[in-house]
Each structure stands twice: as structure tokens, then as C-alpha cells.
Amino acid sequence: DALPICQASERSSPKLSAVMKWTILISLLIISAESRDLFRRDADPHESRHIGDVYKKLTVTDFRGLVLITLSQSLQKCDLDEISKQVEPVTSLAQACSNGARHADCAKPIGTLFLDRICANPEIGRA
């Protein structure tokens, strides 16, 4: 006589339970190791995070898209037109920094630069 599926799975549950425990344990160890690697990669002091270096690594169109996305994340209630007006000055600064300009903003980390730009213009987002 064939047993129904639910009865057959009840018989094999101790083995299945042990396999699942090991699978979950191994998965958690792998995820833990990879997450530690992500923090190391982001904390790498040799990796430059300045606007001129990022500009050199991307095409102009991709860089403008990156600026638009980054500003949009911080200014979620703003219109696209309002955010788009901020893209060109940041792109011009990045181009100057990549060409070796000695601007004070060129030495700032890119995240700080974006936040400074947003805070420097209190009219952004006011309708």
C-alpha cells in the first residue's frame, strides 16, 4: 500500500530536519563571510571616492544619470525639473576636478559633496 505524501514526509522528517539545519548553518556562514567582505571593500582607503575620479570612470551620460539618481534619493519630494537643474553644476565641477582643478570641493568625498550641495541651496524642494 502506498502511503499518502503527508505520511511519508512525517517519517523522513528527522533526516530532513538535520539536513535543513546544516543547510541553514552553512548558508548563514557564507552570508556572514560575504557581508564582512563588503565592509572591507567599502572601507578600502586606496579606493578613491572623489567626484573627479568617479567622473573619469564613467561616461558623461552615465555620470549625469548617477548625479540625478543620487539627488533624487535625497530630494524625494522634488520635481524632476527641479532636481535636473542641479545636475549640470555638479557635472561641471566633476569635469573640472577630473582635469586637475584645485577646487576645495574636489577633495571632498562624493557623498559629502552631494549633501553640501543640497544644504547650500535651501530653495530646493520648496514649492
N, C-alpha and C. Protein backbone atom coordinates (compact mmCIF):
# COMPACT_ATOMS: atom_id res chain seq x y z
N ASP A 1 0.83 -1.18 0.00
CA ASP A 1 0.00 0.00 0.00
C ASP A 1 0.88 1.24 0.00
N ALA A 2 0.55 2.15 -0.83
CA ALA A 2 1.27 3.42 -0.90
C ALA A 2 0.75 4.36 0.17
N LEU A 3 1.67 5.01 0.85
CA LEU A 3 1.28 5.96 1.87
C LEU A 3 1.02 7.32 1.24
N PRO A 4 0.09 8.07 1.77
CA PRO A 4 -0.10 9.44 1.28
C PRO A 4 1.17 10.25 1.49
N ILE A 5 1.32 11.30 0.72
CA ILE A 5 2.53 12.12 0.76
C ILE A 5 2.78 12.69 2.15
N CYS A 6 1.73 13.15 2.83
CA CYS A 6 1.93 13.76 4.14
C CYS A 6 2.44 12.75 5.15
N GLN A 7 2.04 11.50 5.07
CA GLN A 7 2.53 10.49 6.00
C GLN A 7 3.96 10.11 5.66
N ALA A 8 4.29 10.06 4.40
CA ALA A 8 5.65 9.71 4.00
C ALA A 8 6.63 10.79 4.45
N SER A 9 6.25 12.04 4.39
CA SER A 9 7.16 13.11 4.79
C SER A 9 7.34 13.15 6.30
N GLU A 10 6.33 12.70 7.05
CA GLU A 10 6.47 12.66 8.51
C GLU A 10 7.52 11.65 8.93
N ARG A 11 7.62 10.53 8.21
CA ARG A 11 8.63 9.53 8.54
C ARG A 11 10.04 10.02 8.28
N SER A 12 10.24 10.81 7.26
CA SER A 12 11.59 11.25 6.90
C SER A 12 11.94 12.60 7.53
N SER A 13 11.12 13.14 8.37
CA SER A 13 11.38 14.47 8.92
C SER A 13 12.63 14.56 9.79
N PRO A 14 13.03 13.54 10.59
CA PRO A 14 14.28 13.70 11.35
C PRO A 14 15.49 13.89 10.44
N LYS A 15 15.57 13.12 9.35
CA LYS A 15 16.68 13.28 8.42
C LYS A 15 16.59 14.63 7.72
N LEU A 16 15.38 14.97 7.29
CA LEU A 16 15.18 16.23 6.59
C LEU A 16 15.49 17.40 7.52
N SER A 17 15.12 17.27 8.76
CA SER A 17 15.38 18.32 9.74
C SER A 17 16.88 18.52 9.92
N ALA A 18 17.63 17.45 10.01
CA ALA A 18 19.08 17.55 10.17
C ALA A 18 19.73 18.18 8.94
N VAL A 19 19.27 17.80 7.76
CA VAL A 19 19.80 18.36 6.52
C VAL A 19 19.49 19.85 6.44
N MET A 20 18.26 20.22 6.81
CA MET A 20 17.87 21.63 6.77
C MET A 20 18.69 22.46 7.76
N LYS A 21 18.95 21.91 8.94
CA LYS A 21 19.75 22.64 9.93
C LYS A 21 21.16 22.90 9.39
N TRP A 22 21.77 21.87 8.78
CA TRP A 22 23.11 22.04 8.22
C TRP A 22 23.10 23.02 7.04
N THR A 23 22.07 22.93 6.22
CA THR A 23 21.96 23.83 5.07
C THR A 23 21.84 25.28 5.54
N ILE A 24 21.01 25.51 6.52
CA ILE A 24 20.84 26.86 7.04
C ILE A 24 22.12 27.35 7.70
N LEU A 25 22.79 26.51 8.46
CA LEU A 25 24.03 26.89 9.12
C LEU A 25 25.10 27.28 8.10
N ILE A 26 25.26 26.46 7.08
CA ILE A 26 26.27 26.75 6.04
C ILE A 26 25.91 28.02 5.29
N SER A 27 24.63 28.20 4.99
CA SER A 27 24.20 29.42 4.29
C SER A 27 24.49 30.66 5.11
N LEU A 28 24.21 30.60 6.40
CA LEU A 28 24.48 31.74 7.27
C LEU A 28 25.97 32.05 7.35
N LEU A 29 26.80 31.03 7.38
CA LEU A 29 28.25 31.25 7.41
C LEU A 29 28.74 31.91 6.13
N ILE A 30 28.21 31.48 5.01
CA ILE A 30 28.61 32.08 3.72
C ILE A 30 28.16 33.53 3.65
N ILE A 31 26.92 33.79 4.04
CA ILE A 31 26.40 35.16 4.01
C ILE A 31 27.21 36.05 4.95
N SER A 32 27.54 35.53 6.11
CA SER A 32 28.33 36.30 7.08
C SER A 32 29.70 36.65 6.51
N ALA A 33 30.34 35.69 5.88
CA ALA A 33 31.67 35.93 5.30
C ALA A 33 31.59 36.95 4.18
N GLU A 34 30.57 36.87 3.33
CA GLU A 34 30.44 37.81 2.23
C GLU A 34 30.12 39.21 2.74
N SER A 35 29.30 39.32 3.77
CA SER A 35 28.96 40.65 4.28
C SER A 35 30.18 41.32 4.90
N ARG A 36 31.05 40.56 5.55
CA ARG A 36 32.28 41.14 6.08
C ARG A 36 33.17 41.64 4.96
N ASP A 37 33.19 40.92 3.84
CA ASP A 37 33.97 41.34 2.69
C ASP A 37 33.44 42.65 2.11
N LEU A 38 32.13 42.84 2.12
CA LEU A 38 31.56 44.09 1.62
C LEU A 38 32.03 45.28 2.43
N PHE A 39 32.08 45.12 3.75
CA PHE A 39 32.53 46.22 4.59
C PHE A 39 34.00 46.51 4.34
N ARG A 40 34.79 45.50 4.14
CA ARG A 40 36.21 45.71 3.86
C ARG A 40 36.39 46.43 2.53
N ARG A 41 35.61 46.04 1.54
CA ARG A 41 35.71 46.67 0.23
C ARG A 41 35.34 48.14 0.31
N ASP A 42 34.28 48.46 1.04
CA ASP A 42 33.84 49.84 1.15
C ASP A 42 34.79 50.68 1.99
N ALA A 43 35.52 50.05 2.89
CA ALA A 43 36.44 50.78 3.76
C ALA A 43 37.85 50.84 3.18
N ASP A 44 38.04 50.36 1.98
CA ASP A 44 39.37 50.33 1.37
C ASP A 44 39.88 51.76 1.18
N PRO A 45 40.97 52.14 1.85
CA PRO A 45 41.46 53.51 1.73
C PRO A 45 42.10 53.81 0.38
N HIS A 46 42.44 52.79 -0.37
CA HIS A 46 43.06 53.01 -1.68
C HIS A 46 42.02 53.27 -2.76
N GLU A 47 40.79 52.95 -2.49
CA GLU A 47 39.72 53.19 -3.45
C GLU A 47 39.27 54.64 -3.33
N SER A 48 39.39 55.40 -4.39
CA SER A 48 39.04 56.82 -4.33
C SER A 48 37.53 56.99 -4.47
N ARG A 49 37.01 57.92 -3.72
CA ARG A 49 35.59 58.22 -3.75
C ARG A 49 35.37 59.71 -4.00
N HIS A 50 36.27 60.31 -4.76
CA HIS A 50 36.15 61.73 -5.06
C HIS A 50 35.47 61.91 -6.41
N ILE A 51 34.84 63.04 -6.58
CA ILE A 51 33.99 63.27 -7.74
C ILE A 51 34.77 63.20 -9.06
N GLY A 52 35.98 63.72 -9.09
CA GLY A 52 36.77 63.69 -10.32
C GLY A 52 37.13 62.26 -10.73
N ASP A 53 37.42 61.42 -9.74
CA ASP A 53 37.77 60.03 -10.04
C ASP A 53 36.56 59.25 -10.56
N VAL A 54 35.40 59.51 -9.96
CA VAL A 54 34.17 58.85 -10.41
C VAL A 54 33.84 59.31 -11.83
N TYR A 55 34.02 60.59 -12.10
CA TYR A 55 33.74 61.14 -13.43
C TYR A 55 34.62 60.48 -14.49
N LYS A 56 35.89 60.24 -14.15
CA LYS A 56 36.81 59.61 -15.10
C LYS A 56 36.39 58.18 -15.44
N LYS A 57 35.77 57.49 -14.47
CA LYS A 57 35.41 56.08 -14.67
C LYS A 57 34.13 55.89 -15.46
N LEU A 58 33.32 56.94 -15.60
CA LEU A 58 32.02 56.83 -16.27
C LEU A 58 31.98 57.70 -17.51
N THR A 59 31.01 57.43 -18.38
CA THR A 59 30.76 58.34 -19.49
C THR A 59 30.00 59.53 -18.93
N VAL A 60 29.95 60.62 -19.69
CA VAL A 60 29.26 61.83 -19.23
C VAL A 60 27.78 61.54 -18.98
N THR A 61 27.16 60.78 -19.86
CA THR A 61 25.75 60.44 -19.71
C THR A 61 25.51 59.61 -18.46
N ASP A 62 26.37 58.63 -18.24
CA ASP A 62 26.23 57.80 -17.04
C ASP A 62 26.46 58.61 -15.77
N PHE A 63 27.43 59.53 -15.82
CA PHE A 63 27.69 60.35 -14.65
C PHE A 63 26.49 61.24 -14.34
N ARG A 64 25.92 61.85 -15.36
CA ARG A 64 24.73 62.68 -15.15
C ARG A 64 23.59 61.85 -14.57
N GLY A 65 23.43 60.64 -15.05
CA GLY A 65 22.41 59.75 -14.51
C GLY A 65 22.67 59.43 -13.05
N LEU A 66 23.93 59.19 -12.71
CA LEU A 66 24.30 58.92 -11.32
C LEU A 66 23.98 60.11 -10.42
N VAL A 67 24.30 61.31 -10.88
CA VAL A 67 24.01 62.52 -10.11
C VAL A 67 22.50 62.69 -9.94
N LEU A 68 21.76 62.48 -11.00
CA LEU A 68 20.31 62.60 -10.93
C LEU A 68 19.71 61.61 -9.95
N ILE A 69 20.16 60.38 -9.99
CA ILE A 69 19.66 59.35 -9.08
C ILE A 69 20.03 59.67 -7.63
N THR A 70 21.28 60.08 -7.42
CA THR A 70 21.73 60.38 -6.05
C THR A 70 20.95 61.55 -5.47
N LEU A 71 20.76 62.59 -6.24
CA LEU A 71 20.00 63.74 -5.76
C LEU A 71 18.53 63.37 -5.56
N SER A 72 17.99 62.55 -6.43
CA SER A 72 16.58 62.13 -6.31
C SER A 72 16.33 61.34 -5.04
N GLN A 73 17.31 60.56 -4.62
CA GLN A 73 17.16 59.79 -3.39
C GLN A 73 17.08 60.70 -2.17
N SER A 74 17.81 61.80 -2.20
CA SER A 74 17.80 62.73 -1.07
C SER A 74 16.65 63.73 -1.14
N LEU A 75 16.19 64.01 -2.33
CA LEU A 75 15.13 65.01 -2.54
C LEU A 75 13.89 64.35 -3.13
N GLN A 76 13.32 63.43 -2.40
CA GLN A 76 12.23 62.61 -2.93
C GLN A 76 10.96 63.39 -3.22
N LYS A 77 10.76 64.52 -2.58
CA LYS A 77 9.53 65.28 -2.80
C LYS A 77 9.68 66.35 -3.87
N CYS A 78 10.84 66.43 -4.49
CA CYS A 78 11.09 67.45 -5.52
C CYS A 78 10.66 66.96 -6.89
N ASP A 79 10.36 67.94 -7.74
CA ASP A 79 10.05 67.63 -9.14
C ASP A 79 11.32 67.25 -9.88
N LEU A 80 11.15 66.50 -10.94
CA LEU A 80 12.29 66.11 -11.77
C LEU A 80 12.99 67.33 -12.36
N ASP A 81 12.22 68.33 -12.78
CA ASP A 81 12.82 69.55 -13.34
C ASP A 81 13.70 70.26 -12.32
N GLU A 82 13.24 70.29 -11.08
CA GLU A 82 13.99 70.96 -10.02
C GLU A 82 15.31 70.23 -9.74
N ILE A 83 15.27 68.92 -9.74
CA ILE A 83 16.48 68.14 -9.50
C ILE A 83 17.41 68.21 -10.71
N SER A 84 16.83 68.20 -11.90
CA SER A 84 17.64 68.24 -13.12
C SER A 84 18.48 69.51 -13.22
N LYS A 85 17.99 70.60 -12.64
CA LYS A 85 18.75 71.86 -12.65
C LYS A 85 20.04 71.75 -11.86
N GLN A 86 20.10 70.82 -10.93
CA GLN A 86 21.28 70.65 -10.09
C GLN A 86 22.34 69.74 -10.73
N VAL A 87 21.95 69.02 -11.76
CA VAL A 87 22.86 68.04 -12.37
C VAL A 87 24.01 68.72 -13.10
N GLU A 88 23.74 69.76 -13.86
CA GLU A 88 24.77 70.40 -14.67
C GLU A 88 25.88 71.04 -13.84
N PRO A 89 25.57 71.78 -12.76
CA PRO A 89 26.68 72.32 -11.96
C PRO A 89 27.57 71.23 -11.34
N VAL A 90 26.97 70.14 -10.91
CA VAL A 90 27.76 69.05 -10.33
C VAL A 90 28.61 68.39 -11.41
N THR A 91 28.05 68.23 -12.60
CA THR A 91 28.80 67.64 -13.72
C THR A 91 29.96 68.54 -14.13
N SER A 92 29.73 69.84 -14.16
CA SER A 92 30.82 70.78 -14.50
C SER A 92 31.93 70.72 -13.46
N LEU A 93 31.56 70.66 -12.19
CA LEU A 93 32.56 70.54 -11.13
C LEU A 93 33.35 69.24 -11.30
N ALA A 94 32.66 68.16 -11.57
CA ALA A 94 33.34 66.87 -11.73
C ALA A 94 34.31 66.89 -12.90
N GLN A 95 33.90 67.51 -13.98
CA GLN A 95 34.77 67.61 -15.15
C GLN A 95 36.02 68.42 -14.82
N ALA A 96 35.83 69.54 -14.10
CA ALA A 96 36.97 70.36 -13.71
C ALA A 96 37.89 69.58 -12.77
N CYS A 97 37.32 68.86 -11.82
CA CYS A 97 38.13 68.08 -10.87
C CYS A 97 38.90 66.98 -11.58
N SER A 98 38.28 66.36 -12.56
CA SER A 98 38.96 65.28 -13.28
C SER A 98 40.10 65.81 -14.15
N ASN A 99 40.03 67.10 -14.49
CA ASN A 99 41.09 67.72 -15.28
C ASN A 99 42.17 68.35 -14.41
N GLY A 100 42.08 68.15 -13.08
CA GLY A 100 43.13 68.61 -12.19
C GLY A 100 42.89 69.96 -11.54
N ALA A 101 41.66 70.47 -11.55
CA ALA A 101 41.37 71.76 -10.93
C ALA A 101 41.62 71.69 -9.43
N ARG A 102 42.02 72.78 -8.85
CA ARG A 102 42.30 72.86 -7.41
C ARG A 102 41.12 73.50 -6.68
N HIS A 103 39.96 72.92 -6.83
CA HIS A 103 38.75 73.41 -6.16
C HIS A 103 38.62 72.71 -4.81
N ALA A 104 38.13 73.41 -3.80
CA ALA A 104 38.00 72.82 -2.47
C ALA A 104 37.07 71.61 -2.47
N ASP A 105 36.06 71.62 -3.32
CA ASP A 105 35.11 70.51 -3.38
C ASP A 105 35.70 69.26 -4.00
N CYS A 106 36.79 69.40 -4.74
CA CYS A 106 37.41 68.23 -5.38
C CYS A 106 37.98 67.24 -4.37
N ALA A 107 38.36 67.73 -3.20
CA ALA A 107 38.96 66.86 -2.19
C ALA A 107 37.93 66.21 -1.28
N LYS A 108 36.68 66.63 -1.38
CA LYS A 108 35.63 66.08 -0.52
C LYS A 108 35.18 64.71 -1.03
N PRO A 109 34.79 63.82 -0.12
CA PRO A 109 34.17 62.56 -0.56
C PRO A 109 32.87 62.88 -1.30
N ILE A 110 32.54 62.06 -2.26
CA ILE A 110 31.41 62.37 -3.14
C ILE A 110 30.08 62.46 -2.38
N GLY A 111 29.89 61.64 -1.36
CA GLY A 111 28.65 61.71 -0.58
C GLY A 111 28.52 63.02 0.15
N THR A 112 29.62 63.49 0.73
CA THR A 112 29.62 64.78 1.43
C THR A 112 29.37 65.91 0.45
N LEU A 113 29.94 65.81 -0.73
CA LEU A 113 29.75 66.84 -1.74
C LEU A 113 28.28 66.99 -2.12
N PHE A 114 27.59 65.87 -2.33
CA PHE A 114 26.18 65.93 -2.69
C PHE A 114 25.35 66.54 -1.57
N LEU A 115 25.61 66.13 -0.34
CA LEU A 115 24.85 66.68 0.79
C LEU A 115 25.14 68.17 0.97
N ASP A 116 26.38 68.59 0.76
CA ASP A 116 26.71 70.02 0.85
C ASP A 116 25.96 70.82 -0.22
N ARG A 117 25.87 70.26 -1.40
CA ARG A 117 25.14 70.95 -2.48
C ARG A 117 23.66 71.11 -2.14
N ILE A 118 23.09 70.07 -1.57
CA ILE A 118 21.67 70.12 -1.20
C ILE A 118 21.44 71.14 -0.09
N CYS A 119 22.30 71.13 0.92
CA CYS A 119 22.14 72.04 2.06
C CYS A 119 22.46 73.48 1.70
N ALA A 120 23.32 73.69 0.72
CA ALA A 120 23.72 75.04 0.33
C ALA A 120 22.60 75.78 -0.39
N ASN A 121 21.64 75.05 -0.93
CA ASN A 121 20.54 75.67 -1.66
C ASN A 121 19.23 75.37 -0.94
N PRO A 122 18.84 76.21 0.01
CA PRO A 122 17.61 75.92 0.79
C PRO A 122 16.33 76.03 -0.04
N GLU A 123 16.41 76.57 -1.23
CA GLU A 123 15.21 76.71 -2.07
C GLU A 123 14.83 75.41 -2.76
N ILE A 124 15.75 74.44 -2.77
CA ILE A 124 15.44 73.16 -3.40
C ILE A 124 14.32 72.48 -2.61
N GLY A 125 13.32 72.08 -3.31
CA GLY A 125 12.23 71.32 -2.67
C GLY A 125 11.11 72.17 -2.10
N ARG A 126 11.26 73.48 -2.15
CA ARG A 126 10.18 74.34 -1.65
C ARG A 126 9.30 74.74 -2.80
N ALA A 127 8.03 74.45 -2.66
CA ALA A 127 7.10 74.81 -3.73
C ALA A 127 6.12 75.84 -3.25
